[in-house]
């Protein structure tokens, strides 16, 4: 199994919305991928509640059966569309993929 974790620090204001509004869009859109991409075994998106300056704003936790399934997910048109939006509203992205 592959676990795919991504965290983002969002811009304070982007695409006509504030950070929290964009975080909510990211959460809904990414979680909806579970119903659109068969290779997604589990997906969860959290919006940060920690007020520390070191804290990031949004975290994605997802699971896949294989690295190939992760690749299918990443190249799926619905994921690409969401990624394009995220790239417009984020400052920093950190990712980790690991196998268990």
Protein backbone atom coordinates (compact mmCIF):
# COMPACT_ATOMS: atom_id res chain seq x y z
CA UNK A 1 0.00 0.00 0.00
CA UNK A 2 1.16 3.53 -0.80
CA UNK A 3 0.36 6.44 1.47
CA UNK A 4 0.45 9.88 -0.17
CA UNK A 5 0.54 12.94 2.08
CA UNK A 6 0.62 16.54 0.88
CA UNK A 7 0.48 19.72 2.93
CA UNK A 8 0.03 23.23 1.65
CA UNK A 9 0.52 26.72 3.00
CA UNK A 10 -2.00 28.89 1.18
CA UNK A 11 -1.82 32.51 0.10
CA UNK A 12 -3.83 34.87 2.31
CA UNK A 13 -5.90 35.89 -0.72
CA UNK A 14 -5.99 34.31 -4.19
CA UNK A 15 -8.45 33.70 -7.01
CA UNK A 16 -10.86 36.21 -5.42
CA UNK A 17 -11.12 34.33 -2.12
CA UNK A 18 -9.47 34.29 1.27
CA UNK A 19 -7.37 31.42 2.62
CA UNK A 20 -10.23 29.66 4.42
CA UNK A 21 -12.56 29.82 1.42
CA UNK A 22 -9.86 28.30 -0.81
CA UNK A 23 -9.09 25.64 1.81
CA UNK A 24 -12.75 24.59 1.79
CA UNK A 25 -12.78 24.37 -2.02
CA UNK A 26 -9.64 22.20 -1.93
CA UNK A 27 -11.15 19.92 0.71
CA UNK A 28 -14.42 19.32 -1.14
CA UNK A 29 -12.82 18.91 -4.56
CA UNK A 30 -10.11 16.50 -3.40
CA UNK A 31 -12.44 14.39 -1.26
CA UNK A 32 -14.84 14.09 -4.21
CA UNK A 33 -12.07 12.34 -6.17
CA UNK A 34 -12.76 9.17 -4.16
CA UNK A 35 -16.01 8.81 -6.13
CA UNK A 36 -14.36 9.60 -9.49
CA UNK A 37 -11.06 7.72 -9.49
CA UNK A 38 -11.24 3.98 -8.82
CA UNK A 39 -7.60 3.76 -7.71
CA UNK A 40 -8.21 5.95 -4.63
CA UNK A 41 -8.62 3.61 -1.65
CA UNK A 42 -8.99 6.39 0.93
CA UNK A 43 -8.78 10.16 0.86
CA UNK A 44 -9.06 12.66 3.67
CA UNK A 45 -8.42 16.40 3.67
CA UNK A 46 -8.04 18.44 6.83
CA UNK A 47 -8.12 22.19 7.30
CA UNK A 48 -5.68 23.36 9.95
CA UNK A 49 -6.92 24.75 13.27
CA UNK A 50 -3.45 25.37 14.76
CA UNK A 51 -2.69 29.11 14.89
CA UNK A 52 1.12 28.70 14.98
CA UNK A 53 3.10 30.47 12.26
CA UNK A 54 4.82 27.14 11.56
CA UNK A 55 1.50 25.41 10.82
CA UNK A 56 0.38 24.71 7.28
CA UNK A 57 -3.20 25.30 6.13
CA UNK A 58 -4.40 22.12 4.40
CA UNK A 59 -3.31 18.47 4.57
CA UNK A 60 -4.18 15.63 2.20
CA UNK A 61 -3.91 12.03 3.37
CA UNK A 62 -4.61 9.36 0.75
CA UNK A 63 -4.02 5.65 0.18
CA UNK A 64 -3.41 3.61 -2.97
CA UNK A 65 -2.76 -0.07 -3.62
CA UNK A 66 0.40 0.64 -5.65
CA UNK A 67 2.71 3.35 -6.92
CA UNK A 68 1.13 2.78 -10.33
CA UNK A 69 -2.31 3.57 -8.90
CA UNK A 70 -0.91 6.77 -7.40
CA UNK A 71 0.37 7.71 -10.86
CA UNK A 72 -3.04 7.07 -12.41
CA UNK A 73 -4.61 9.31 -9.75
CA UNK A 74 -2.06 12.07 -10.32
CA UNK A 75 -2.59 12.10 -14.09
CA UNK A 76 -6.40 11.80 -13.95
CA UNK A 77 -8.04 14.89 -15.56
CA UNK A 78 -10.12 15.66 -12.44
CA UNK A 79 -7.00 15.60 -10.25
CA UNK A 80 -5.07 17.72 -12.75
CA UNK A 81 -7.86 20.32 -12.71
CA UNK A 82 -7.80 20.54 -8.92
CA UNK A 83 -4.00 20.66 -8.87
CA UNK A 84 -4.06 23.62 -11.24
CA UNK A 85 -6.36 25.49 -8.86
CA UNK A 86 -4.22 24.59 -5.84
CA UNK A 87 -1.08 25.83 -7.60
CA UNK A 88 -2.75 29.22 -8.01
CA UNK A 89 -3.71 29.56 -4.34
CA UNK A 90 -0.73 28.00 -2.55
CA UNK A 91 2.60 29.41 -1.42
CA UNK A 92 4.31 26.18 -0.36
CA UNK A 93 3.75 22.48 -1.03
CA UNK A 94 5.35 19.59 0.83
CA UNK A 95 4.80 15.95 -0.15
CA UNK A 96 5.73 12.50 1.12
CA UNK A 97 4.91 9.12 -0.37
CA UNK A 98 5.74 5.91 1.44
CA UNK A 99 5.01 2.22 1.22
CA UNK A 100 3.73 0.02 4.03
